[in-house]
Amino acid sequence: MAHRIDGRKLGRKSAPRRALYRNLIVAVIRYEQIRTTEAKAKEVRGQVERMITLAKEGSLTSRRRIVSEMPNEPLVIDKLMNEIAARYGDRSSGFTRVVRLGPRAGDAAPIVQLELV
């Protein structure tokens, strides 16, 4: 029985999986929408929401926590702290949307679009 097992492995070891998540989070914030598989989108969605919630706080501590998650991305962090956080000022949660696009041609993996609302 696999009780209390959280998260998906996505066929990767832990370090490449964390790097994949970091890259997807940066891409969602930079482009405000990405196309990826359903499993990846569902894993990253909560992390993107957490980054936006941190950015809405606007404190130095929250900025440092965001920088620790996304090092070497100063433009993305500035966009998150200034533009995106201001856009969702009155919204408490639900910053992302997952739209199903259909199966991928090569392997029939379900493709979705993860976008900011």
Protein backbone atom coordinates (compact mmCIF):
# COMPACT_ATOMS: atom_id res chain seq x y z
CA MET A 1 0.00 0.00 0.00
CA ALA A 2 1.25 3.43 -0.88
CA HIS A 3 -0.34 5.52 1.83
CA ARG A 4 0.97 9.03 2.53
CA ILE A 5 3.11 9.11 -0.61
CA ASP A 6 3.03 12.62 -2.00
CA GLY A 7 4.09 13.88 -5.41
CA ARG A 8 4.98 12.31 -8.72
CA LYS A 9 8.40 10.96 -9.65
CA LEU A 10 8.04 11.62 -13.39
CA GLY A 11 10.70 9.00 -14.19
CA ARG A 12 13.51 11.13 -12.77
CA LYS A 13 15.79 11.10 -9.78
CA SER A 14 15.24 13.80 -7.19
CA ALA A 15 17.80 16.40 -8.35
CA PRO A 16 16.74 16.42 -12.04
CA ARG A 17 13.11 16.47 -10.92
CA ARG A 18 13.69 19.56 -8.75
CA ALA A 19 15.50 21.22 -11.66
CA LEU A 20 12.56 20.43 -13.95
CA TYR A 21 10.12 21.95 -11.46
CA ARG A 22 12.29 25.07 -11.09
CA ASN A 23 12.48 25.51 -14.88
CA LEU A 24 8.72 25.07 -15.27
CA ILE A 25 7.99 27.58 -12.49
CA VAL A 26 10.28 30.16 -14.13
CA ALA A 27 8.65 29.53 -17.52
CA VAL A 28 5.12 29.99 -16.14
CA ILE A 29 6.08 33.27 -14.50
CA ARG A 30 8.06 34.53 -17.52
CA TYR A 31 5.57 33.62 -20.28
CA GLU A 32 2.39 33.43 -18.14
CA GLN A 33 1.41 30.21 -19.92
CA ILE A 34 3.15 26.98 -20.87
CA ARG A 35 2.23 23.75 -22.60
CA THR A 36 3.31 20.61 -20.81
CA THR A 37 2.03 17.21 -19.76
CA GLU A 38 -0.82 17.00 -17.30
CA ALA A 39 1.26 15.34 -14.59
CA LYS A 40 3.96 18.04 -14.74
CA ALA A 41 1.38 20.83 -14.71
CA LYS A 42 -0.41 19.40 -11.68
CA GLU A 43 2.87 19.14 -9.78
CA VAL A 44 4.05 22.66 -10.61
CA ARG A 45 0.70 24.40 -10.14
CA GLY A 46 0.90 24.46 -6.34
CA GLN A 47 4.48 25.70 -6.37
CA VAL A 48 3.60 28.56 -8.73
CA GLU A 49 0.69 29.53 -6.48
CA ARG A 50 3.03 29.51 -3.47
CA MET A 51 5.51 31.82 -5.27
CA ILE A 52 2.72 34.29 -6.11
CA THR A 53 1.47 34.24 -2.53
CA LEU A 54 5.00 34.96 -1.29
CA ALA A 55 5.33 37.81 -3.80
CA LYS A 56 2.06 39.32 -2.60
CA GLU A 57 3.51 39.67 0.90
CA GLY A 58 6.16 41.98 -0.55
CA SER A 59 8.55 41.71 2.39
CA LEU A 60 12.30 41.29 2.19
CA THR A 61 11.95 37.82 3.71
CA SER A 62 9.52 36.73 1.03
CA ARG A 63 11.78 38.12 -1.71
CA ARG A 64 14.71 36.15 -0.29
CA ARG A 65 12.61 32.98 -0.19
CA ILE A 66 11.67 33.50 -3.83
CA VAL A 67 15.32 34.11 -4.75
CA SER A 68 16.29 30.87 -3.00
CA GLU A 69 13.80 28.99 -5.18
CA MET A 70 14.75 30.76 -8.42
CA PRO A 71 18.43 31.76 -8.34
CA ASN A 72 19.92 33.54 -11.37
CA GLU A 73 16.52 34.84 -12.53
CA PRO A 74 16.42 38.51 -11.45
CA LEU A 75 14.10 39.63 -14.27
CA VAL A 76 11.58 36.91 -13.51
CA ILE A 77 11.69 37.72 -9.80
CA ASP A 78 11.13 41.43 -10.51
CA LYS A 79 8.19 40.60 -12.77
CA LEU A 80 6.73 38.34 -10.10
CA MET A 81 7.14 40.87 -7.28
CA ASN A 82 6.01 43.98 -9.19
CA GLU A 83 3.57 43.00 -11.97
CA ILE A 84 2.05 39.66 -11.04
CA ALA A 85 1.71 40.30 -7.31
CA ALA A 86 -0.02 43.62 -8.01
CA ARG A 87 -2.39 41.96 -10.48
CA TYR A 88 -3.58 39.44 -7.87
CA GLY A 89 -3.71 41.83 -4.91
CA ASP A 90 -7.37 41.18 -4.09
CA ARG A 91 -7.33 37.46 -4.88
CA SER A 92 -6.45 35.01 -2.11
CA SER A 93 -5.81 31.89 -4.20
CA GLY A 94 -6.53 30.28 -7.56
CA PHE A 95 -3.91 32.13 -9.60
CA THR A 96 -3.44 29.35 -12.16
CA ARG A 97 -5.65 27.45 -14.59
CA VAL A 98 -5.09 24.10 -16.27
CA VAL A 99 -6.72 23.75 -19.71
CA ARG A 100 -6.67 20.36 -21.43
CA LEU A 101 -5.47 20.44 -25.04
CA GLY A 102 -5.65 16.77 -25.99
CA PRO A 103 -3.15 13.98 -26.50
CA ARG A 104 0.39 14.49 -27.79
CA ALA A 105 0.96 13.09 -31.29
CA GLY A 106 4.02 10.98 -30.45
CA ASP A 107 3.00 9.08 -27.33
CA ALA A 108 -0.59 10.18 -26.63
CA ALA A 109 0.43 11.83 -23.35
CA PRO A 110 -2.27 14.27 -22.19
CA ILE A 111 -1.09 17.82 -22.93
CA VAL A 112 -2.41 20.80 -21.00
CA GLN A 113 -1.83 24.52 -20.92
CA LEU A 114 -0.89 25.88 -17.49
CA GLU A 115 -1.65 29.60 -17.42
CA LEU A 116 -2.02 32.45 -14.99
CA VAL A 117 -5.63 33.57 -14.59
